[in-house]
Protein backbone atom coordinates (compact mmCIF):
# COMPACT_ATOMS: atom_id res chain seq x y z
CA MET A 1 12.02 43.97 -20.31
CA ASN A 2 14.33 46.16 -22.35
CA ILE A 3 13.25 48.47 -25.19
CA ARG A 4 16.02 49.59 -27.53
CA ARG A 5 16.73 50.73 -31.06
CA LEU A 6 17.59 47.88 -33.42
CA GLU A 7 21.17 48.12 -34.66
CA ALA A 8 21.82 48.32 -38.42
CA HIS A 9 23.59 44.93 -38.45
CA GLU A 10 20.72 43.13 -36.66
CA ALA A 11 18.02 41.24 -38.54
CA LEU A 12 14.54 42.72 -38.57
CA PRO A 13 11.96 40.85 -36.46
CA LEU A 14 10.10 40.33 -39.73
CA GLU A 15 7.59 37.77 -38.48
CA LEU A 16 6.39 40.17 -35.80
CA LEU A 17 6.41 43.19 -38.14
CA LEU A 18 4.28 41.27 -40.65
CA GLU A 19 1.60 40.73 -38.01
CA ALA A 20 0.90 44.47 -38.09
CA ASP A 21 1.47 44.94 -41.84
CA PRO A 22 1.14 41.98 -44.24
CA SER A 23 3.24 43.60 -47.01
CA GLU A 24 6.85 42.48 -46.65
CA GLN A 25 7.89 44.94 -49.35
CA LEU A 26 6.37 47.91 -47.50
CA VAL A 27 7.73 46.74 -44.13
CA ARG A 28 11.27 46.41 -45.46
CA ARG A 29 11.05 49.82 -47.14
CA TYR A 30 9.92 51.79 -44.08
CA CYS A 31 12.26 49.90 -41.76
CA ALA A 32 15.18 50.83 -44.03
CA ASP A 33 14.16 54.50 -43.96
CA GLY A 34 13.06 54.70 -40.33
CA TYR A 35 14.01 53.84 -36.77
CA CYS A 36 13.12 50.31 -35.65
CA PHE A 37 12.80 49.66 -31.91
CA ILE A 38 12.40 46.29 -30.23
CA ALA A 39 11.20 45.15 -26.83
CA GLU A 40 13.11 42.16 -25.49
CA LYS A 41 12.44 39.80 -22.65
CA GLN A 42 15.28 37.41 -21.83
CA GLU A 43 16.87 38.09 -25.25
CA THR A 44 13.61 37.25 -27.08
CA VAL A 45 11.93 39.96 -29.15
CA ILE A 46 8.39 40.38 -27.82
CA GLY A 47 7.48 43.74 -29.33
CA VAL A 48 8.42 46.15 -32.08
CA PHE A 49 7.64 49.60 -33.40
CA VAL A 50 9.00 51.69 -36.26
CA LEU A 51 9.25 55.48 -36.44
CA LEU A 52 9.40 57.05 -39.91
CA ALA A 53 9.85 60.78 -40.49
CA ILE A 54 7.08 62.38 -42.55
CA ASP A 55 8.83 65.76 -42.53
CA SER A 56 11.21 67.63 -40.22
CA ALA A 57 8.51 68.16 -37.57
CA THR A 58 6.40 64.99 -37.77
CA VAL A 59 7.17 61.31 -37.39
CA GLU A 60 4.80 58.39 -37.93
CA ILE A 61 4.57 55.18 -35.96
CA LYS A 62 4.47 52.91 -39.01
CA ASN A 63 4.23 49.57 -37.28
CA ILE A 64 3.64 48.40 -33.75
CA ALA A 65 3.27 44.75 -32.87
CA ILE A 66 3.31 42.54 -29.77
CA ALA A 67 4.08 38.81 -29.77
CA GLU A 68 0.93 36.75 -29.17
CA PRO A 69 1.88 35.38 -25.71
CA GLU A 70 2.62 38.93 -24.45
CA ARG A 71 -0.64 40.56 -25.55
CA GLY A 72 -3.07 41.86 -22.97
CA LYS A 73 -0.33 42.75 -20.48
CA GLY A 74 -0.06 46.49 -21.17
CA LEU A 75 2.96 46.19 -23.44
CA GLY A 76 1.21 47.91 -26.36
CA LYS A 77 0.55 51.00 -24.26
CA ARG A 78 4.13 50.96 -23.00
CA LEU A 79 5.48 50.75 -26.56
CA VAL A 80 3.29 53.66 -27.70
CA LEU A 81 4.48 55.79 -24.77
CA VAL A 82 8.13 54.90 -25.46
CA ALA A 83 7.58 55.75 -29.15
CA LEU A 84 6.30 59.19 -28.11
CA GLU A 85 9.34 59.72 -25.89
CA GLU A 86 11.76 58.57 -28.61
CA ALA A 87 10.07 60.92 -31.11
CA ARG A 88 10.55 63.77 -28.63
CA LYS A 89 14.24 62.85 -28.18
CA LEU A 90 14.69 62.82 -31.97
CA GLY A 91 13.38 66.39 -32.09
CA PHE A 92 9.95 65.86 -33.63
CA MET A 93 6.99 68.01 -32.62
CA ALA A 94 4.17 65.64 -33.61
CA VAL A 95 3.54 61.93 -33.99
CA GLU A 96 1.01 60.35 -36.33
CA ILE A 97 -0.29 56.80 -36.42
CA GLY A 98 -2.70 55.04 -38.73
CA THR A 99 -4.80 51.95 -38.25
CA GLY A 100 -7.63 50.16 -39.97
CA ASN A 101 -11.29 50.96 -39.54
CA SER A 102 -11.74 47.44 -38.14
CA SER A 103 -8.92 47.71 -35.57
CA PHE A 104 -11.11 48.49 -32.57
CA ALA A 105 -8.58 47.67 -29.84
CA GLN A 106 -5.85 49.73 -31.51
CA LEU A 107 -8.15 52.73 -31.98
CA ALA A 108 -9.03 52.63 -28.29
CA LEU A 109 -5.39 52.19 -27.22
CA TYR A 110 -4.11 55.12 -29.27
CA GLN A 111 -6.82 57.42 -27.92
CA LYS A 112 -6.07 56.30 -24.34
CA CYS A 113 -2.46 57.31 -25.01
CA GLY A 114 -3.57 60.81 -26.02
CA PHE A 115 -3.86 60.55 -29.79
CA ARG A 116 -6.71 62.40 -31.52
CA MET A 117 -8.43 61.40 -34.75
CA LYS A 118 -7.19 63.43 -37.70
CA THR A 119 -8.37 62.00 -41.04
CA ILE A 120 -9.79 58.94 -42.76
CA ASP A 121 -8.14 57.71 -45.96
CA ARG A 122 -11.05 55.92 -47.60
CA ASP A 123 -10.22 52.62 -49.34
CA PHE A 124 -6.54 52.83 -48.33
CA PHE A 125 -6.25 49.09 -47.70
CA THR A 126 -8.10 48.05 -50.85
CA ARG A 127 -5.79 50.33 -52.90
CA HIS A 128 -2.53 49.16 -51.32
CA TYR A 129 -3.06 45.46 -50.57
CA THR A 130 -3.97 42.77 -53.08
CA GLU A 131 -5.62 40.45 -50.55
CA PRO A 132 -8.55 41.56 -48.39
CA ILE A 133 -7.76 42.05 -44.71
CA ILE A 134 -10.50 40.76 -42.41
CA GLU A 135 -10.38 41.78 -38.77
CA ASN A 136 -13.07 41.52 -36.08
CA GLY A 137 -15.43 40.16 -38.73
CA LEU A 138 -15.10 43.26 -40.93
CA GLU A 139 -13.13 44.02 -44.05
CA CYS A 140 -10.40 46.51 -43.27
CA ARG A 141 -10.82 49.15 -45.98
CA ASP A 142 -10.17 52.61 -44.55
CA MET A 143 -7.08 53.99 -42.80
CA VAL A 144 -7.97 56.00 -39.70
CA ARG A 145 -5.16 58.49 -39.00
CA LEU A 146 -4.56 59.93 -35.53
CA ASP A 147 -2.03 62.44 -34.25
CA TYR A 148 -0.37 63.50 -31.01
CA ARG A 149 1.28 66.87 -30.40
CA LEU A 150 4.52 66.63 -28.40
């Protein structure tokens, strides 16, 4: 498997990006302003993450997604760790990530990678998305934000 930065002339792996964020408009906006990285296996994109600068010291992992057949194999953890390393190489001092209150597996993964809970943005998803997001039998309403100091 190869993890690399997506070149400007390459098409976004939009289908995969939309699995982590259902708003195509938001996805296109932060991909245009950030750094999109892909994981490839035999020239097929199997994972993606996007880094977006918040300020000169902090970058956010805006999107991280794994193709369905590749889930449960440790690729998510590998992508998070590569994202931390890429953020360090880009000169950032901290990395933030946000996920939904109903995203139990993601919350556990990020904490296993060393992230600490920072804030909760109540009703984030109901303010920013027109359709309800249901995950693990719960409505995803609040954004849980975590951070990692490099």
